[in-house]
N, C-alpha and C. Protein backbone atom coordinates (compact mmCIF):
# COMPACT_ATOMS: atom_id res chain seq x y z
N UNK A 1 0.84 -1.19 0.00
CA UNK A 1 0.00 0.00 0.00
C UNK A 1 0.88 1.25 0.00
N UNK A 2 0.59 2.16 -0.91
CA UNK A 2 1.33 3.42 -1.03
C UNK A 2 0.63 4.46 -0.17
N UNK A 3 1.39 5.25 0.56
CA UNK A 3 0.82 6.15 1.57
C UNK A 3 0.21 7.43 0.99
N UNK A 4 0.35 7.68 -0.30
CA UNK A 4 -0.28 8.85 -0.91
C UNK A 4 0.71 9.91 -1.36
N UNK A 5 0.17 10.95 -1.95
CA UNK A 5 1.01 12.04 -2.48
C UNK A 5 1.37 13.03 -1.38
N UNK A 6 2.24 12.60 -0.48
CA UNK A 6 2.64 13.50 0.61
C UNK A 6 3.22 14.80 0.07
N UNK A 7 3.00 15.87 0.83
CA UNK A 7 3.63 17.14 0.49
C UNK A 7 5.14 17.03 0.68
N UNK A 8 5.87 17.70 -0.15
CA UNK A 8 7.33 17.72 -0.04
C UNK A 8 7.74 18.77 0.99
N UNK A 9 7.34 18.52 2.24
CA UNK A 9 7.65 19.46 3.32
C UNK A 9 7.65 18.73 4.67
N UNK A 10 7.73 19.51 5.76
CA UNK A 10 7.87 18.98 7.11
C UNK A 10 6.57 19.03 7.90
N UNK A 11 5.45 19.35 7.26
CA UNK A 11 4.20 19.54 8.01
C UNK A 11 3.67 18.21 8.54
N UNK A 12 3.02 18.29 9.70
CA UNK A 12 2.49 17.09 10.33
C UNK A 12 1.17 16.64 9.69
N UNK A 13 0.51 17.53 8.96
CA UNK A 13 -0.77 17.13 8.38
C UNK A 13 -0.60 16.28 7.12
N UNK A 14 0.45 16.58 6.30
CA UNK A 14 0.61 15.79 5.09
C UNK A 14 2.03 15.77 4.56
N UNK A 15 3.01 16.11 5.40
CA UNK A 15 4.41 16.04 5.00
C UNK A 15 5.08 14.81 5.59
N UNK A 16 6.39 14.89 5.75
CA UNK A 16 7.16 13.76 6.29
C UNK A 16 6.57 13.16 7.57
N UNK A 17 6.23 13.97 8.59
CA UNK A 17 5.73 13.37 9.84
C UNK A 17 4.41 12.63 9.72
N UNK A 18 3.67 12.89 8.63
CA UNK A 18 2.36 12.24 8.47
C UNK A 18 2.47 10.79 8.04
N UNK A 19 3.65 10.39 7.59
CA UNK A 19 3.80 9.06 7.00
C UNK A 19 3.70 7.96 8.06
N UNK A 20 4.30 8.17 9.22
CA UNK A 20 4.29 7.11 10.23
C UNK A 20 2.88 6.79 10.71
N UNK A 21 2.05 7.79 11.07
CA UNK A 21 0.66 7.45 11.41
C UNK A 21 -0.06 6.71 10.29
N UNK A 22 0.26 7.05 9.04
CA UNK A 22 -0.35 6.33 7.91
C UNK A 22 0.09 4.87 7.90
N UNK A 23 1.40 4.64 8.07
CA UNK A 23 1.91 3.26 8.14
C UNK A 23 1.19 2.46 9.22
N UNK A 24 1.10 3.04 10.41
CA UNK A 24 0.55 2.31 11.55
C UNK A 24 -0.94 2.09 11.40
N UNK A 25 -1.65 3.06 10.83
CA UNK A 25 -3.08 2.89 10.58
C UNK A 25 -3.31 1.78 9.56
N UNK A 26 -2.51 1.78 8.50
CA UNK A 26 -2.63 0.72 7.50
C UNK A 26 -2.34 -0.64 8.12
N UNK A 27 -1.35 -0.68 9.01
CA UNK A 27 -0.97 -1.95 9.65
C UNK A 27 -2.13 -2.57 10.40
N UNK A 28 -2.83 -1.76 11.19
CA UNK A 28 -3.92 -2.32 12.00
C UNK A 28 -5.19 -2.53 11.18
N UNK A 29 -5.20 -2.03 9.93
CA UNK A 29 -6.35 -2.26 9.04
C UNK A 29 -6.12 -3.46 8.12
N UNK A 30 -4.99 -4.14 8.29
CA UNK A 30 -4.75 -5.35 7.52
C UNK A 30 -3.83 -5.19 6.33
N UNK A 31 -3.26 -3.99 6.15
CA UNK A 31 -2.31 -3.79 5.05
C UNK A 31 -0.89 -3.95 5.60
N UNK A 32 -0.32 -5.11 5.40
CA UNK A 32 0.95 -5.44 6.04
C UNK A 32 2.18 -4.91 5.34
N UNK A 33 2.03 -4.45 4.10
CA UNK A 33 3.15 -3.90 3.33
C UNK A 33 2.78 -2.49 2.90
N UNK A 34 3.57 -1.52 3.30
CA UNK A 34 3.29 -0.14 2.92
C UNK A 34 4.60 0.62 2.71
N UNK A 35 4.50 1.75 2.02
CA UNK A 35 5.68 2.57 1.76
C UNK A 35 5.25 3.98 1.38
N UNK A 36 6.21 4.88 1.31
CA UNK A 36 5.97 6.25 0.85
C UNK A 36 7.09 6.65 -0.10
N UNK A 37 6.87 7.75 -0.83
CA UNK A 37 7.90 8.27 -1.73
C UNK A 37 8.97 9.00 -0.93
N UNK A 38 10.23 8.63 -1.09
CA UNK A 38 11.31 9.37 -0.45
C UNK A 38 11.27 10.83 -0.93
N UNK A 39 11.11 11.75 0.01
CA UNK A 39 11.07 13.16 -0.34
C UNK A 39 9.70 13.72 -0.58
N UNK A 40 8.66 12.85 -0.56
CA UNK A 40 7.32 13.33 -0.84
C UNK A 40 7.10 13.53 -2.33
N UNK A 41 5.92 14.03 -2.69
CA UNK A 41 5.56 14.17 -4.10
C UNK A 41 5.00 15.55 -4.45
N UNK A 42 3.98 15.98 -3.72
CA UNK A 42 3.23 17.17 -4.11
C UNK A 42 4.01 18.45 -3.82
N UNK A 43 4.14 19.29 -4.84
CA UNK A 43 4.83 20.58 -4.71
C UNK A 43 3.99 21.66 -5.38
N UNK A 44 3.64 22.69 -4.61
CA UNK A 44 2.92 23.84 -5.19
C UNK A 44 3.16 25.05 -4.30
N UNK A 45 2.76 26.24 -4.79
CA UNK A 45 2.95 27.50 -4.05
C UNK A 45 4.41 27.61 -3.61
N UNK A 46 4.64 27.83 -2.31
CA UNK A 46 6.01 28.00 -1.79
C UNK A 46 6.62 26.69 -1.31
N UNK A 47 5.93 25.60 -1.51
CA UNK A 47 6.40 24.29 -1.04
C UNK A 47 7.61 23.85 -1.86
N UNK A 48 8.68 23.50 -1.15
CA UNK A 48 9.90 23.03 -1.80
C UNK A 48 10.53 21.91 -0.98
N UNK A 49 11.11 20.95 -1.66
CA UNK A 49 11.86 19.89 -0.98
C UNK A 49 13.33 20.30 -0.93
N UNK A 50 13.85 20.52 0.26
CA UNK A 50 15.27 20.85 0.38
C UNK A 50 16.08 19.57 0.60
N UNK A 51 17.41 19.62 0.49
CA UNK A 51 18.22 18.42 0.64
C UNK A 51 18.02 17.72 1.99
N UNK A 52 17.85 18.49 3.05
CA UNK A 52 17.68 17.89 4.37
C UNK A 52 16.43 17.02 4.42
N UNK A 53 15.33 17.53 3.86
CA UNK A 53 14.09 16.75 3.86
C UNK A 53 14.28 15.44 3.09
N UNK A 54 14.90 15.53 1.93
CA UNK A 54 15.13 14.33 1.13
C UNK A 54 15.96 13.31 1.92
N UNK A 55 17.00 13.77 2.59
CA UNK A 55 17.87 12.85 3.32
C UNK A 55 17.17 12.24 4.53
N UNK A 56 16.42 13.03 5.27
CA UNK A 56 15.71 12.48 6.43
C UNK A 56 14.67 11.46 5.99
N UNK A 57 14.02 11.72 4.87
CA UNK A 57 13.02 10.78 4.37
C UNK A 57 13.69 9.48 3.93
N UNK A 58 14.85 9.59 3.31
CA UNK A 58 15.58 8.40 2.88
C UNK A 58 16.01 7.57 4.07
N UNK A 59 16.42 8.23 5.15
CA UNK A 59 16.81 7.51 6.36
C UNK A 59 15.65 6.66 6.86
N UNK A 60 14.46 7.24 6.88
CA UNK A 60 13.28 6.51 7.35
C UNK A 60 12.94 5.35 6.41
N UNK A 61 12.90 5.62 5.11
CA UNK A 61 12.43 4.61 4.18
C UNK A 61 13.41 3.47 3.98
N UNK A 62 14.67 3.68 4.35
CA UNK A 62 15.60 2.55 4.32
C UNK A 62 15.15 1.47 5.29
N UNK A 63 14.44 1.89 6.34
CA UNK A 63 13.92 0.96 7.33
C UNK A 63 12.42 0.75 7.09
N UNK A 64 12.13 0.24 5.91
CA UNK A 64 10.76 -0.05 5.51
C UNK A 64 10.81 -1.14 4.44
N UNK A 65 9.67 -1.73 4.08
CA UNK A 65 9.71 -2.82 3.09
C UNK A 65 10.20 -2.38 1.72
N UNK A 66 9.97 -1.11 1.36
CA UNK A 66 10.32 -0.64 0.02
C UNK A 66 10.93 0.75 0.11
N UNK A 67 12.08 0.92 -0.50
CA UNK A 67 12.75 2.22 -0.52
C UNK A 67 12.83 2.71 -1.96
N UNK A 68 12.09 3.75 -2.26
CA UNK A 68 12.16 4.33 -3.60
C UNK A 68 11.95 5.84 -3.50
N UNK A 69 12.67 6.58 -4.31
CA UNK A 69 12.52 8.02 -4.32
C UNK A 69 11.56 8.43 -5.43
N UNK A 70 11.16 9.69 -5.42
CA UNK A 70 10.30 10.22 -6.47
C UNK A 70 10.76 11.63 -6.78
N UNK A 71 10.78 11.98 -8.05
CA UNK A 71 11.25 13.32 -8.42
C UNK A 71 10.25 14.41 -8.00
N UNK A 72 9.00 14.03 -7.74
CA UNK A 72 8.01 15.00 -7.29
C UNK A 72 7.22 15.59 -8.45
N UNK A 73 6.17 16.31 -8.10
CA UNK A 73 5.28 16.85 -9.12
C UNK A 73 5.90 18.02 -9.89
N UNK A 74 6.92 18.66 -9.29
CA UNK A 74 7.66 19.72 -9.96
C UNK A 74 9.16 19.47 -9.75
N UNK A 75 9.74 18.59 -10.53
CA UNK A 75 11.12 18.16 -10.29
C UNK A 75 12.13 19.29 -10.20
N UNK A 76 11.98 20.32 -11.00
CA UNK A 76 12.96 21.41 -11.02
C UNK A 76 12.96 22.22 -9.72
N UNK A 77 11.90 22.11 -8.94
CA UNK A 77 11.79 22.87 -7.69
C UNK A 77 12.25 22.06 -6.48
N UNK A 78 12.53 20.78 -6.69
CA UNK A 78 12.83 19.89 -5.57
C UNK A 78 14.26 19.35 -5.61
N UNK A 79 14.85 19.22 -4.43
CA UNK A 79 16.15 18.54 -4.33
C UNK A 79 15.96 17.08 -4.72
N UNK A 80 16.92 16.54 -5.47
CA UNK A 80 16.86 15.16 -5.94
C UNK A 80 18.01 14.36 -5.33
N UNK A 81 18.02 13.07 -5.58
CA UNK A 81 19.03 12.20 -4.98
C UNK A 81 20.45 12.59 -5.37
N UNK A 82 20.61 13.25 -6.51
CA UNK A 82 21.94 13.66 -6.97
C UNK A 82 22.10 15.18 -6.89
N UNK A 83 21.42 15.79 -5.94
CA UNK A 83 21.47 17.25 -5.77
C UNK A 83 22.90 17.75 -5.60
N UNK A 84 23.68 17.06 -4.80
CA UNK A 84 25.09 17.38 -4.60
C UNK A 84 25.78 16.14 -4.05
N UNK A 85 27.07 16.22 -3.81
CA UNK A 85 27.81 15.04 -3.37
C UNK A 85 27.34 14.54 -2.00
N UNK A 86 26.97 15.45 -1.11
CA UNK A 86 26.50 15.03 0.21
C UNK A 86 25.22 14.21 0.11
N UNK A 87 24.26 14.70 -0.66
CA UNK A 87 22.98 13.99 -0.81
C UNK A 87 23.19 12.65 -1.52
N UNK A 88 24.01 12.66 -2.55
CA UNK A 88 24.25 11.43 -3.31
C UNK A 88 24.92 10.37 -2.43
N UNK A 89 25.93 10.78 -1.66
CA UNK A 89 26.62 9.85 -0.77
C UNK A 89 25.68 9.32 0.31
N UNK A 90 24.85 10.21 0.85
CA UNK A 90 23.88 9.82 1.87
C UNK A 90 22.89 8.80 1.31
N UNK A 91 22.39 9.06 0.11
CA UNK A 91 21.40 8.16 -0.48
C UNK A 91 22.02 6.80 -0.78
N UNK A 92 23.27 6.80 -1.22
CA UNK A 92 23.97 5.54 -1.48
C UNK A 92 24.12 4.74 -0.18
N UNK A 93 24.48 5.44 0.90
CA UNK A 93 24.65 4.78 2.20
C UNK A 93 23.36 4.10 2.64
N UNK A 94 22.26 4.83 2.59
CA UNK A 94 21.01 4.25 3.07
C UNK A 94 20.44 3.22 2.11
N UNK A 95 20.79 3.30 0.85
CA UNK A 95 20.42 2.24 -0.09
C UNK A 95 21.16 0.95 0.27
N UNK A 96 22.41 1.09 0.67
CA UNK A 96 23.17 -0.10 1.09
C UNK A 96 22.59 -0.69 2.37
N UNK A 97 22.18 0.17 3.29
CA UNK A 97 21.58 -0.32 4.54
C UNK A 97 20.29 -1.08 4.23
N UNK A 98 19.48 -0.52 3.34
CA UNK A 98 18.24 -1.21 2.97
C UNK A 98 18.54 -2.59 2.37
N UNK A 99 19.55 -2.64 1.51
CA UNK A 99 19.93 -3.93 0.92
C UNK A 99 20.45 -4.89 1.99
N UNK A 100 21.22 -4.37 2.94
CA UNK A 100 21.75 -5.20 4.02
C UNK A 100 20.62 -5.87 4.80
N UNK A 101 19.52 -5.17 4.98
CA UNK A 101 18.40 -5.67 5.77
C UNK A 101 17.55 -6.70 5.02
N UNK A 102 17.90 -7.01 3.80
CA UNK A 102 17.07 -7.89 2.98
C UNK A 102 16.68 -9.19 3.68
N UNK A 103 17.60 -9.93 4.30
CA UNK A 103 17.18 -11.19 4.95
C UNK A 103 16.15 -10.96 6.06
N UNK A 104 16.34 -9.91 6.84
CA UNK A 104 15.40 -9.58 7.91
C UNK A 104 14.05 -9.18 7.34
N UNK A 105 14.06 -8.34 6.31
CA UNK A 105 12.82 -7.90 5.69
C UNK A 105 12.08 -9.06 5.02
N UNK A 106 12.81 -9.96 4.39
CA UNK A 106 12.18 -11.11 3.75
C UNK A 106 11.48 -11.99 4.78
N UNK A 107 12.09 -12.14 5.93
CA UNK A 107 11.46 -12.94 6.98
C UNK A 107 10.18 -12.26 7.49
N UNK A 108 10.24 -10.93 7.62
CA UNK A 108 9.06 -10.18 8.07
C UNK A 108 7.94 -10.24 7.04
N UNK A 109 8.30 -10.17 5.77
CA UNK A 109 7.31 -10.26 4.69
C UNK A 109 6.71 -11.67 4.65
N UNK A 110 7.53 -12.69 4.87
CA UNK A 110 7.03 -14.06 4.88
C UNK A 110 6.03 -14.26 6.01
N UNK A 111 6.31 -13.67 7.17
CA UNK A 111 5.37 -13.74 8.30
C UNK A 111 4.07 -13.04 7.95
N UNK A 112 4.16 -11.91 7.27
CA UNK A 112 2.95 -11.21 6.84
C UNK A 112 2.11 -12.08 5.91
N UNK A 113 2.77 -12.72 4.95
CA UNK A 113 2.05 -13.58 4.01
C UNK A 113 1.39 -14.76 4.71
N UNK A 114 2.06 -15.27 5.75
CA UNK A 114 1.56 -16.46 6.44
C UNK A 114 0.45 -16.13 7.43
N UNK A 115 0.61 -15.03 8.17
CA UNK A 115 -0.31 -14.80 9.28
C UNK A 115 -0.93 -13.40 9.33
N UNK A 116 -0.51 -12.52 8.40
CA UNK A 116 -1.10 -11.18 8.37
C UNK A 116 -0.43 -10.17 9.27
N UNK A 117 0.61 -10.56 10.00
CA UNK A 117 1.32 -9.61 10.86
C UNK A 117 2.04 -8.59 9.98
N UNK A 118 1.79 -7.29 10.16
CA UNK A 118 2.41 -6.29 9.28
C UNK A 118 3.92 -6.20 9.47
N UNK A 119 4.60 -5.74 8.45
CA UNK A 119 6.05 -5.59 8.54
C UNK A 119 6.41 -4.42 9.45
N UNK A 120 5.68 -3.30 9.32
CA UNK A 120 5.88 -2.13 10.18
C UNK A 120 4.76 -2.12 11.21
N UNK A 121 5.12 -2.13 12.51
CA UNK A 121 4.14 -2.40 13.55
C UNK A 121 4.11 -1.31 14.62
N UNK A 122 2.93 -1.01 15.14
CA UNK A 122 2.85 -0.10 16.29
C UNK A 122 3.51 -0.73 17.51
N UNK A 123 4.00 0.09 18.41
CA UNK A 123 4.63 -0.44 19.62
C UNK A 123 3.66 -1.28 20.43
N UNK A 124 2.35 -0.95 20.37
CA UNK A 124 1.40 -1.66 21.20
C UNK A 124 1.14 -3.09 20.73
N UNK A 125 1.72 -3.48 19.60
CA UNK A 125 1.63 -4.88 19.18
C UNK A 125 2.23 -5.80 20.23
N UNK A 126 3.25 -5.32 20.92
CA UNK A 126 3.97 -6.17 21.87
C UNK A 126 4.06 -5.59 23.28
N UNK A 127 3.73 -4.31 23.44
CA UNK A 127 3.92 -3.65 24.73
C UNK A 127 2.63 -2.94 25.14
N UNK A 128 2.13 -3.31 26.32
CA UNK A 128 0.82 -2.84 26.77
C UNK A 128 0.98 -1.70 27.77
N UNK A 129 1.09 -0.49 27.26
CA UNK A 129 1.22 0.69 28.11
C UNK A 129 0.63 1.89 27.42
N UNK A 130 0.36 2.94 28.20
CA UNK A 130 -0.23 4.13 27.61
C UNK A 130 0.68 4.77 26.57
N UNK A 131 1.99 4.79 26.85
CA UNK A 131 2.94 5.37 25.89
C UNK A 131 2.88 4.61 24.56
N UNK A 132 2.86 3.29 24.66
CA UNK A 132 2.85 2.48 23.46
C UNK A 132 1.56 2.68 22.65
N UNK A 133 0.45 2.84 23.36
CA UNK A 133 -0.85 3.00 22.68
C UNK A 133 -0.93 4.32 21.92
N UNK A 134 -0.20 5.32 22.38
CA UNK A 134 -0.32 6.66 21.80
C UNK A 134 0.86 7.08 20.92
N UNK A 135 1.86 6.24 20.82
CA UNK A 135 3.07 6.62 20.08
C UNK A 135 2.82 6.57 18.57
N UNK A 136 3.04 7.71 17.90
CA UNK A 136 2.81 7.77 16.46
C UNK A 136 3.97 8.37 15.69
N UNK A 137 5.14 8.46 16.34
CA UNK A 137 6.33 8.98 15.66
C UNK A 137 7.45 7.94 15.60
N UNK A 138 7.16 6.73 16.06
CA UNK A 138 8.10 5.62 16.04
C UNK A 138 7.36 4.39 15.53
N UNK A 139 8.12 3.37 15.15
CA UNK A 139 7.48 2.11 14.77
C UNK A 139 8.49 0.97 14.93
N UNK A 140 7.96 -0.22 14.99
CA UNK A 140 8.78 -1.42 14.99
C UNK A 140 8.83 -1.95 13.56
N UNK A 141 10.02 -2.19 13.08
CA UNK A 141 10.21 -2.84 11.79
C UNK A 141 10.49 -4.30 12.09
N UNK A 142 9.52 -5.15 11.79
CA UNK A 142 9.61 -6.51 12.28
C UNK A 142 9.49 -6.51 13.79
N UNK A 143 9.97 -7.56 14.42
CA UNK A 143 9.88 -7.64 15.88
C UNK A 143 11.03 -6.96 16.60
N UNK A 144 12.18 -6.87 15.95
CA UNK A 144 13.40 -6.56 16.70
C UNK A 144 14.04 -5.21 16.43
N UNK A 145 13.51 -4.42 15.51
CA UNK A 145 14.06 -3.09 15.24
C UNK A 145 13.04 -2.02 15.61
N UNK A 146 13.48 -1.03 16.37
CA UNK A 146 12.65 0.14 16.68
C UNK A 146 13.24 1.34 15.96
N UNK A 147 12.41 2.03 15.18
CA UNK A 147 12.86 3.12 14.32
C UNK A 147 12.17 4.41 14.77
N UNK A 148 12.97 5.45 14.99
CA UNK A 148 12.44 6.74 15.47
C UNK A 148 13.01 7.86 14.59
N UNK A 149 12.42 8.08 13.42
CA UNK A 149 12.96 9.08 12.48
C UNK A 149 12.96 10.50 13.04
N UNK A 150 13.88 11.30 12.53
CA UNK A 150 13.90 12.73 12.85
C UNK A 150 12.88 13.41 11.94
N UNK A 151 11.89 14.07 12.54
CA UNK A 151 10.74 14.58 11.79
C UNK A 151 10.65 16.09 11.75
N UNK A 152 11.61 16.79 12.33
CA UNK A 152 11.58 18.25 12.35
C UNK A 152 12.84 18.81 11.69
N UNK A 153 12.66 19.84 10.93
CA UNK A 153 13.76 20.44 10.20
C UNK A 153 14.79 21.06 11.15
N UNK A 154 16.05 20.86 10.84
CA UNK A 154 17.13 21.50 11.57
C UNK A 154 17.48 20.84 12.89
N UNK A 155 16.89 19.71 13.20
CA UNK A 155 17.14 19.04 14.48
C UNK A 155 18.27 18.02 14.34
N UNK A 156 19.08 17.93 15.39
CA UNK A 156 20.18 16.97 15.39
C UNK A 156 20.06 16.00 16.57
N UNK A 157 18.90 15.97 17.20
CA UNK A 157 18.61 15.00 18.24
C UNK A 157 17.10 14.90 18.39
N UNK A 158 16.63 13.85 19.03
CA UNK A 158 15.21 13.72 19.31
C UNK A 158 14.99 12.84 20.53
N UNK A 159 13.86 13.02 21.16
CA UNK A 159 13.48 12.18 22.29
C UNK A 159 12.86 10.91 21.76
N UNK A 160 13.38 9.78 22.22
CA UNK A 160 12.90 8.47 21.78
C UNK A 160 12.34 7.74 22.99
N UNK A 161 11.16 7.17 22.84
CA UNK A 161 10.59 6.32 23.89
C UNK A 161 10.89 4.86 23.54
N UNK A 162 11.48 4.15 24.50
CA UNK A 162 11.78 2.73 24.33
C UNK A 162 10.91 1.91 25.28
N UNK A 163 10.21 0.92 24.77
CA UNK A 163 9.34 0.08 25.62
C UNK A 163 10.13 -0.89 26.48
N UNK A 164 9.43 -1.72 27.20
CA UNK A 164 10.01 -2.56 28.25
C UNK A 164 10.81 -3.73 27.70
N UNK A 165 12.05 -3.42 27.31
CA UNK A 165 13.04 -4.39 26.87
C UNK A 165 14.39 -3.71 26.96
N UNK A 166 15.43 -4.43 26.66
CA UNK A 166 16.75 -3.84 26.52
C UNK A 166 17.00 -3.57 25.04
N UNK A 167 17.47 -2.35 24.74
CA UNK A 167 17.62 -1.92 23.36
C UNK A 167 19.04 -1.43 23.09
N UNK A 168 19.56 -1.79 21.93
CA UNK A 168 20.93 -1.43 21.55
C UNK A 168 20.88 -0.45 20.37
N UNK A 169 21.53 0.70 20.55
CA UNK A 169 21.64 1.69 19.48
C UNK A 169 22.54 1.11 18.37
N UNK A 170 22.05 1.09 17.13
CA UNK A 170 22.82 0.44 16.07
C UNK A 170 24.11 1.19 15.74
N UNK A 171 24.19 2.48 16.07
CA UNK A 171 25.35 3.28 15.67
C UNK A 171 26.50 3.22 16.66
N UNK A 172 26.20 3.17 17.96
CA UNK A 172 27.29 3.14 18.94
C UNK A 172 27.21 1.95 19.89
N UNK A 173 26.22 1.08 19.70
CA UNK A 173 26.03 -0.13 20.50
C UNK A 173 25.80 0.15 21.99
N UNK A 174 25.38 1.36 22.31
CA UNK A 174 25.04 1.68 23.69
C UNK A 174 23.70 1.06 24.03
N UNK A 175 23.60 0.53 25.25
CA UNK A 175 22.37 -0.16 25.68
C UNK A 175 21.46 0.80 26.45
N UNK A 176 20.16 0.68 26.16
CA UNK A 176 19.15 1.51 26.82
C UNK A 176 18.04 0.63 27.36
N UNK A 177 17.40 1.11 28.43
CA UNK A 177 16.24 0.42 28.98
C UNK A 177 14.97 1.18 28.69
N UNK A 178 13.91 0.78 29.33
CA UNK A 178 12.61 1.39 29.10
C UNK A 178 12.60 2.86 29.51
N UNK A 179 11.88 3.67 28.76
CA UNK A 179 11.72 5.08 29.11
C UNK A 179 12.08 6.00 27.96
N UNK A 180 12.07 7.30 28.27
CA UNK A 180 12.40 8.32 27.27
C UNK A 180 13.88 8.65 27.33
N UNK A 181 14.49 8.77 26.17
CA UNK A 181 15.92 9.05 26.07
C UNK A 181 16.14 10.09 24.98
N UNK A 182 16.99 11.06 25.26
CA UNK A 182 17.35 12.03 24.24
C UNK A 182 18.53 11.47 23.45
N UNK A 183 18.31 11.27 22.17
CA UNK A 183 19.28 10.57 21.32
C UNK A 183 19.86 11.54 20.29
N UNK A 184 21.18 11.55 20.21
CA UNK A 184 21.86 12.36 19.21
C UNK A 184 21.56 11.79 17.82
N UNK A 185 21.21 12.67 16.89
CA UNK A 185 20.86 12.21 15.54
C UNK A 185 21.24 13.26 14.51
N UNK A 186 22.53 13.51 14.33
CA UNK A 186 22.94 14.45 13.28
C UNK A 186 22.50 13.93 11.92
N UNK A 187 22.37 14.83 10.97
CA UNK A 187 21.94 14.44 9.63
C UNK A 187 22.83 13.31 9.12
N UNK A 188 22.20 12.22 8.72
CA UNK A 188 22.94 11.04 8.31
C UNK A 188 22.86 9.91 9.31
N UNK A 189 22.26 10.18 10.48
CA UNK A 189 22.15 9.17 11.53
C UNK A 189 20.73 9.19 12.08
N UNK A 190 19.95 8.17 11.79
CA UNK A 190 18.59 8.04 12.27
C UNK A 190 18.58 7.19 13.54
N UNK A 191 17.85 7.57 14.58
CA UNK A 191 17.77 6.73 15.77
C UNK A 191 17.10 5.38 15.46
N UNK A 192 17.88 4.32 15.56
CA UNK A 192 17.40 2.96 15.35
C UNK A 192 18.01 2.07 16.42
N UNK A 193 17.19 1.18 16.98
CA UNK A 193 17.63 0.30 18.06
C UNK A 193 17.19 -1.13 17.75
N UNK A 194 18.03 -2.09 18.15
CA UNK A 194 17.60 -3.48 18.03
C UNK A 194 17.45 -4.09 19.42
N UNK A 195 16.53 -5.04 19.51
CA UNK A 195 16.22 -5.68 20.78
C UNK A 195 17.39 -6.58 21.19
N UNK A 196 17.87 -6.40 22.39
CA UNK A 196 18.98 -7.19 22.89
C UNK A 196 18.63 -8.67 22.85
N UNK A 197 19.57 -9.46 22.34
CA UNK A 197 19.35 -10.89 22.24
C UNK A 197 18.68 -11.33 20.96
N UNK A 198 18.43 -10.39 20.03
CA UNK A 198 17.80 -10.74 18.77
C UNK A 198 18.63 -11.76 18.00
N UNK A 199 17.94 -12.66 17.31
CA UNK A 199 18.65 -13.64 16.49
C UNK A 199 19.32 -12.99 15.29
N UNK A 200 18.97 -11.74 15.02
CA UNK A 200 19.55 -11.00 13.89
C UNK A 200 20.66 -10.05 14.34
N UNK A 201 21.14 -10.20 15.55
CA UNK A 201 22.13 -9.28 16.11
C UNK A 201 23.33 -9.09 15.19
N UNK A 202 23.87 -10.17 14.67
CA UNK A 202 25.05 -10.05 13.80
C UNK A 202 24.77 -9.23 12.56
N UNK A 203 23.57 -9.34 12.04
CA UNK A 203 23.17 -8.53 10.88
C UNK A 203 23.06 -7.07 11.27
N UNK A 204 22.40 -6.78 12.38
CA UNK A 204 22.19 -5.41 12.81
C UNK A 204 23.51 -4.71 13.13
N UNK A 205 24.48 -5.45 13.60
CA UNK A 205 25.77 -4.86 13.93
C UNK A 205 26.50 -4.34 12.68
N UNK A 206 26.11 -4.81 11.52
CA UNK A 206 26.76 -4.39 10.28
C UNK A 206 26.22 -3.05 9.76
N UNK A 207 25.08 -2.59 10.31
CA UNK A 207 24.47 -1.36 9.81
C UNK A 207 25.43 -0.19 9.88
N UNK A 208 26.14 -0.05 10.99
CA UNK A 208 27.03 1.10 11.19
C UNK A 208 28.23 1.07 10.24
N UNK A 209 28.49 -0.06 9.61
CA UNK A 209 29.63 -0.19 8.72
C UNK A 209 29.34 0.33 7.31
N UNK A 210 28.06 0.52 7.00
CA UNK A 210 27.70 0.91 5.63
C UNK A 210 27.99 2.39 5.37
């Protein structure tokens, strides 16, 4: 399921931040495979896709069943994957990460085909708490990865809520427990954690090498 013609901007109503609630709503409605256009699509009036938006969107979509960019409804007004060397290098990095995750994603897709469990899941699928029931800016990719994209322009950190398990930051392998944590996330680094003891640990440890 495609999430729609998101605006090429940072707005919560129909820009980058709107995608995660769409994913989670689709998940609980029985659509186990969903995706969005990297960078959004719709461009009009003063709306423009800058390089930062494109890169943050790519970071998120690398951790989804399908990663694809779109030139947008007005390509000449929008930053593209080859906008400059920084954007091109960033997109190549996250394309490699998406490819690296192929075995994990294939297993999650196979589970969806067998039992209907969505690939991208709300936290409340496994954790019964008020925070988990209301969280709409994070998601679980499969059972063992928690993804918390940066959704605001110009930010280099964000508060991440981690449910009741032990979680390992994929970038520095620091361990975290349940609760809210302020996580450093400079452009090029999306907050992603894997569940301690995951059978995919060796795979997840390779993410930081890409």
